[in-house]
Amino acid sequence: MKLTPYQKLLKMTKEAKDTVLAIPRAAEMKLKAQHEISKLDVSIAEQEGKIQELTSVYPLDFDKLIKAQDELALSERRKRQLEDIVKDMFPAKVDE
């Protein structure tokens, strides 16, 4: 990598510096969003397991079962929303 002369760096505007960082920052945020999706996947799996446990006991606690299903539905909706956000904000090809 060839270094940019220091005097040239000092003269660069904040906008020019931000432009240079745009691609790596976008990649960083996409990876962060994908990590959040992974965390939701884990949460969904745990919630599904909890629902299975709640349906295998006697007597059934319908209030807990409904709350667990609500939590699962919320996590699934959040995951879908986050996937849509990633698709919209980080397309494969960016039009300039």
N, C-alpha and C. Protein backbone atom coordinates (compact mmCIF):
# COMPACT_ATOMS: atom_id res chain seq x y z
N MET A 1 0.84 -1.17 0.00
CA MET A 1 0.00 0.00 0.00
C MET A 1 0.89 1.23 0.00
N LYS A 2 0.57 2.14 -0.87
CA LYS A 2 1.32 3.39 -0.93
C LYS A 2 0.63 4.41 -0.02
N LEU A 3 1.41 5.07 0.82
CA LEU A 3 0.85 6.05 1.75
C LEU A 3 0.58 7.37 1.04
N THR A 4 -0.49 8.03 1.47
CA THR A 4 -0.84 9.35 0.95
C THR A 4 0.03 10.38 1.67
N PRO A 5 0.56 11.34 0.92
CA PRO A 5 1.35 12.39 1.57
C PRO A 5 0.56 13.09 2.68
N TYR A 6 1.24 13.36 3.76
CA TYR A 6 0.60 13.95 4.94
C TYR A 6 -0.07 15.28 4.63
N GLN A 7 0.58 16.10 3.84
CA GLN A 7 0.00 17.42 3.51
C GLN A 7 -1.32 17.24 2.76
N LYS A 8 -1.38 16.25 1.88
CA LYS A 8 -2.61 15.99 1.14
C LYS A 8 -3.71 15.51 2.09
N LEU A 9 -3.34 14.66 3.04
CA LEU A 9 -4.32 14.18 4.03
C LEU A 9 -4.90 15.33 4.84
N LEU A 10 -4.05 16.26 5.24
CA LEU A 10 -4.52 17.40 6.02
C LEU A 10 -5.49 18.27 5.24
N LYS A 11 -5.31 18.31 3.93
CA LYS A 11 -6.17 19.14 3.09
C LYS A 11 -7.50 18.45 2.72
N MET A 12 -7.56 17.14 2.94
CA MET A 12 -8.79 16.41 2.61
C MET A 12 -9.95 16.89 3.47
N THR A 13 -11.08 17.06 2.85
CA THR A 13 -12.27 17.46 3.60
C THR A 13 -12.80 16.26 4.38
N LYS A 14 -13.65 16.55 5.34
CA LYS A 14 -14.28 15.48 6.11
C LYS A 14 -15.10 14.60 5.17
N GLU A 15 -15.74 15.23 4.20
CA GLU A 15 -16.55 14.47 3.24
C GLU A 15 -15.69 13.49 2.44
N ALA A 16 -14.52 13.92 2.03
CA ALA A 16 -13.62 13.05 1.27
C ALA A 16 -13.15 11.88 2.14
N LYS A 17 -12.86 12.16 3.39
CA LYS A 17 -12.43 11.10 4.31
C LYS A 17 -13.58 10.11 4.55
N ASP A 18 -14.80 10.64 4.71
CA ASP A 18 -15.96 9.77 4.92
C ASP A 18 -16.24 8.91 3.69
N THR A 19 -15.99 9.46 2.50
CA THR A 19 -16.19 8.70 1.27
C THR A 19 -15.24 7.51 1.21
N VAL A 20 -14.02 7.71 1.64
CA VAL A 20 -13.03 6.63 1.65
C VAL A 20 -13.47 5.52 2.61
N LEU A 21 -14.11 5.90 3.69
CA LEU A 21 -14.52 4.92 4.71
C LEU A 21 -15.90 4.32 4.46
N ALA A 22 -16.62 4.78 3.48
CA ALA A 22 -18.00 4.35 3.26
C ALA A 22 -18.12 2.84 3.05
N ILE A 23 -17.30 2.28 2.18
CA ILE A 23 -17.41 0.86 1.86
C ILE A 23 -17.09 -0.02 3.07
N PRO A 24 -15.97 0.21 3.78
CA PRO A 24 -15.72 -0.65 4.95
C PRO A 24 -16.75 -0.46 6.06
N ARG A 25 -17.26 0.75 6.22
CA ARG A 25 -18.28 0.97 7.25
C ARG A 25 -19.58 0.24 6.89
N ALA A 26 -19.95 0.28 5.62
CA ALA A 26 -21.15 -0.44 5.19
C ALA A 26 -20.99 -1.94 5.41
N ALA A 27 -19.82 -2.46 5.09
CA ALA A 27 -19.55 -3.89 5.30
C ALA A 27 -19.62 -4.24 6.79
N GLU A 28 -19.09 -3.37 7.62
CA GLU A 28 -19.13 -3.59 9.07
C GLU A 28 -20.58 -3.65 9.57
N MET A 29 -21.41 -2.72 9.11
CA MET A 29 -22.79 -2.68 9.57
C MET A 29 -23.60 -3.88 9.04
N LYS A 30 -23.28 -4.33 7.83
CA LYS A 30 -23.95 -5.51 7.30
C LYS A 30 -23.61 -6.73 8.14
N LEU A 31 -22.34 -6.88 8.50
CA LEU A 31 -21.93 -7.99 9.36
C LEU A 31 -22.59 -7.92 10.73
N LYS A 32 -22.71 -6.70 11.25
CA LYS A 32 -23.37 -6.53 12.55
C LYS A 32 -24.83 -6.96 12.47
N ALA A 33 -25.51 -6.57 11.37
CA ALA A 33 -26.90 -6.97 11.19
C ALA A 33 -27.02 -8.48 11.05
N GLN A 34 -26.11 -9.10 10.32
CA GLN A 34 -26.13 -10.56 10.18
C GLN A 34 -25.89 -11.25 11.52
N HIS A 35 -25.06 -10.65 12.36
CA HIS A 35 -24.84 -11.19 13.70
C HIS A 35 -26.14 -11.11 14.53
N GLU A 36 -26.85 -10.00 14.40
CA GLU A 36 -28.12 -9.85 15.11
C GLU A 36 -29.13 -10.90 14.63
N ILE A 37 -29.13 -11.18 13.33
CA ILE A 37 -30.01 -12.23 12.79
C ILE A 37 -29.64 -13.58 13.39
N SER A 38 -28.35 -13.85 13.51
CA SER A 38 -27.90 -15.11 14.13
C SER A 38 -28.35 -15.22 15.58
N LYS A 39 -28.28 -14.10 16.30
CA LYS A 39 -28.74 -14.11 17.69
C LYS A 39 -30.24 -14.38 17.75
N LEU A 40 -30.99 -13.83 16.80
CA LEU A 40 -32.43 -14.10 16.76
C LEU A 40 -32.70 -15.57 16.44
N ASP A 41 -31.89 -16.17 15.56
CA ASP A 41 -32.03 -17.60 15.26
C ASP A 41 -31.87 -18.44 16.52
N VAL A 42 -30.88 -18.11 17.33
CA VAL A 42 -30.66 -18.84 18.59
C VAL A 42 -31.86 -18.66 19.51
N SER A 43 -32.33 -17.42 19.62
CA SER A 43 -33.47 -17.13 20.47
C SER A 43 -34.72 -17.89 20.01
N ILE A 44 -34.94 -17.93 18.71
CA ILE A 44 -36.10 -18.64 18.16
C ILE A 44 -36.01 -20.13 18.49
N ALA A 45 -34.84 -20.72 18.34
CA ALA A 45 -34.67 -22.14 18.66
C ALA A 45 -34.93 -22.40 20.14
N GLU A 46 -34.45 -21.51 21.00
CA GLU A 46 -34.68 -21.67 22.44
C GLU A 46 -36.17 -21.53 22.76
N GLN A 47 -36.83 -20.57 22.13
CA GLN A 47 -38.25 -20.37 22.39
C GLN A 47 -39.08 -21.56 21.91
N GLU A 48 -38.69 -22.14 20.77
CA GLU A 48 -39.39 -23.34 20.28
C GLU A 48 -39.22 -24.49 21.27
N GLY A 49 -38.02 -24.62 21.83
CA GLY A 49 -37.79 -25.65 22.83
C GLY A 49 -38.64 -25.43 24.08
N LYS A 50 -38.75 -24.17 24.48
CA LYS A 50 -39.56 -23.84 25.64
C LYS A 50 -41.03 -24.20 25.40
N ILE A 51 -41.51 -23.93 24.20
CA ILE A 51 -42.90 -24.26 23.87
C ILE A 51 -43.10 -25.77 23.93
N GLN A 52 -42.14 -26.53 23.40
CA GLN A 52 -42.23 -28.00 23.46
C GLN A 52 -42.29 -28.48 24.91
N GLU A 53 -41.49 -27.87 25.77
CA GLU A 53 -41.51 -28.25 27.19
C GLU A 53 -42.87 -27.94 27.81
N LEU A 54 -43.41 -26.75 27.49
CA LEU A 54 -44.69 -26.35 28.08
C LEU A 54 -45.84 -27.25 27.63
N THR A 55 -45.72 -27.81 26.43
CA THR A 55 -46.81 -28.67 25.93
C THR A 55 -46.66 -30.12 26.38
N SER A 56 -45.57 -30.42 27.09
CA SER A 56 -45.36 -31.81 27.49
C SER A 56 -45.56 -32.04 28.99
N VAL A 57 -46.13 -31.06 29.68
CA VAL A 57 -46.34 -31.22 31.12
C VAL A 57 -47.83 -31.28 31.43
N TYR A 58 -48.12 -31.84 32.58
CA TYR A 58 -49.50 -31.88 33.06
C TYR A 58 -49.53 -31.18 34.40
N PRO A 59 -50.43 -30.32 34.63
CA PRO A 59 -51.44 -29.78 33.72
C PRO A 59 -50.84 -28.70 32.82
N LEU A 60 -51.46 -28.49 31.69
CA LEU A 60 -51.00 -27.46 30.77
C LEU A 60 -51.26 -26.07 31.35
N ASP A 61 -50.28 -25.20 31.24
CA ASP A 61 -50.45 -23.81 31.67
C ASP A 61 -50.64 -22.98 30.40
N PHE A 62 -51.89 -22.73 30.08
CA PHE A 62 -52.21 -22.07 28.81
C PHE A 62 -51.69 -20.63 28.76
N ASP A 63 -51.69 -19.95 29.89
CA ASP A 63 -51.17 -18.58 29.89
C ASP A 63 -49.68 -18.55 29.52
N LYS A 64 -48.90 -19.45 30.11
CA LYS A 64 -47.47 -19.52 29.78
C LYS A 64 -47.27 -19.93 28.33
N LEU A 65 -48.10 -20.84 27.85
CA LEU A 65 -48.00 -21.30 26.48
C LEU A 65 -48.29 -20.16 25.50
N ILE A 66 -49.31 -19.40 25.77
CA ILE A 66 -49.66 -18.26 24.91
C ILE A 66 -48.55 -17.22 24.94
N LYS A 67 -48.02 -16.91 26.12
CA LYS A 67 -46.92 -15.93 26.22
C LYS A 67 -45.70 -16.42 25.45
N ALA A 68 -45.40 -17.70 25.55
CA ALA A 68 -44.24 -18.26 24.84
C ALA A 68 -44.45 -18.17 23.32
N GLN A 69 -45.67 -18.44 22.88
CA GLN A 69 -45.97 -18.33 21.44
C GLN A 69 -45.89 -16.87 20.98
N ASP A 70 -46.34 -15.95 21.83
CA ASP A 70 -46.24 -14.53 21.49
C ASP A 70 -44.77 -14.11 21.35
N GLU A 71 -43.94 -14.55 22.27
CA GLU A 71 -42.51 -14.22 22.22
C GLU A 71 -41.87 -14.80 20.96
N LEU A 72 -42.24 -16.03 20.62
CA LEU A 72 -41.72 -16.66 19.41
C LEU A 72 -42.15 -15.88 18.17
N ALA A 73 -43.42 -15.51 18.10
CA ALA A 73 -43.92 -14.77 16.94
C ALA A 73 -43.21 -13.42 16.82
N LEU A 74 -42.97 -12.76 17.95
CA LEU A 74 -42.27 -11.48 17.92
C LEU A 74 -40.84 -11.65 17.41
N SER A 75 -40.15 -12.66 17.89
CA SER A 75 -38.77 -12.91 17.44
C SER A 75 -38.74 -13.23 15.95
N GLU A 76 -39.68 -14.02 15.48
CA GLU A 76 -39.73 -14.36 14.06
C GLU A 76 -40.01 -13.11 13.21
N ARG A 77 -40.90 -12.25 13.70
CA ARG A 77 -41.21 -11.02 12.97
C ARG A 77 -40.00 -10.09 12.95
N ARG A 78 -39.32 -9.97 14.07
CA ARG A 78 -38.11 -9.14 14.13
C ARG A 78 -37.05 -9.65 13.17
N LYS A 79 -36.90 -10.97 13.09
CA LYS A 79 -35.92 -11.56 12.18
C LYS A 79 -36.28 -11.21 10.73
N ARG A 80 -37.56 -11.38 10.37
CA ARG A 80 -37.99 -11.04 9.00
C ARG A 80 -37.74 -9.57 8.69
N GLN A 81 -38.06 -8.71 9.65
CA GLN A 81 -37.85 -7.28 9.45
C GLN A 81 -36.37 -6.97 9.26
N LEU A 82 -35.53 -7.57 10.08
CA LEU A 82 -34.09 -7.32 9.98
C LEU A 82 -33.54 -7.84 8.65
N GLU A 83 -34.03 -8.99 8.20
CA GLU A 83 -33.61 -9.52 6.90
C GLU A 83 -34.02 -8.57 5.77
N ASP A 84 -35.22 -8.00 5.86
CA ASP A 84 -35.67 -7.02 4.86
C ASP A 84 -34.81 -5.76 4.90
N ILE A 85 -34.45 -5.33 6.09
CA ILE A 85 -33.59 -4.15 6.23
C ILE A 85 -32.24 -4.41 5.57
N VAL A 86 -31.65 -5.57 5.83
CA VAL A 86 -30.36 -5.91 5.25
C VAL A 86 -30.47 -5.94 3.72
N LYS A 87 -31.54 -6.56 3.22
CA LYS A 87 -31.73 -6.65 1.77
C LYS A 87 -31.85 -5.26 1.14
N ASP A 88 -32.59 -4.36 1.79
CA ASP A 88 -32.80 -3.01 1.25
C ASP A 88 -31.58 -2.11 1.40
N MET A 89 -30.93 -2.19 2.55
CA MET A 89 -29.83 -1.25 2.82
C MET A 89 -28.48 -1.71 2.29
N PHE A 90 -28.33 -3.02 2.06
CA PHE A 90 -27.04 -3.54 1.61
C PHE A 90 -27.24 -4.40 0.36
N PRO A 91 -27.71 -3.79 -0.74
CA PRO A 91 -27.91 -4.58 -1.97
C PRO A 91 -26.58 -5.06 -2.53
N ALA A 92 -26.67 -6.10 -3.35
CA ALA A 92 -25.45 -6.65 -3.96
C ALA A 92 -24.75 -5.62 -4.83
N LYS A 93 -25.53 -4.82 -5.54
CA LYS A 93 -24.96 -3.79 -6.39
C LYS A 93 -25.59 -2.46 -6.00
N VAL A 94 -24.76 -1.46 -5.78
CA VAL A 94 -25.24 -0.14 -5.38
C VAL A 94 -25.19 0.79 -6.58
N ASP A 95 -26.34 1.43 -6.88
CA ASP A 95 -26.38 2.43 -7.94
C ASP A 95 -25.86 3.74 -7.41
N GLU A 96 -24.99 4.37 -8.14
CA GLU A 96 -24.41 5.65 -7.67
C GLU A 96 -24.98 6.81 -8.40
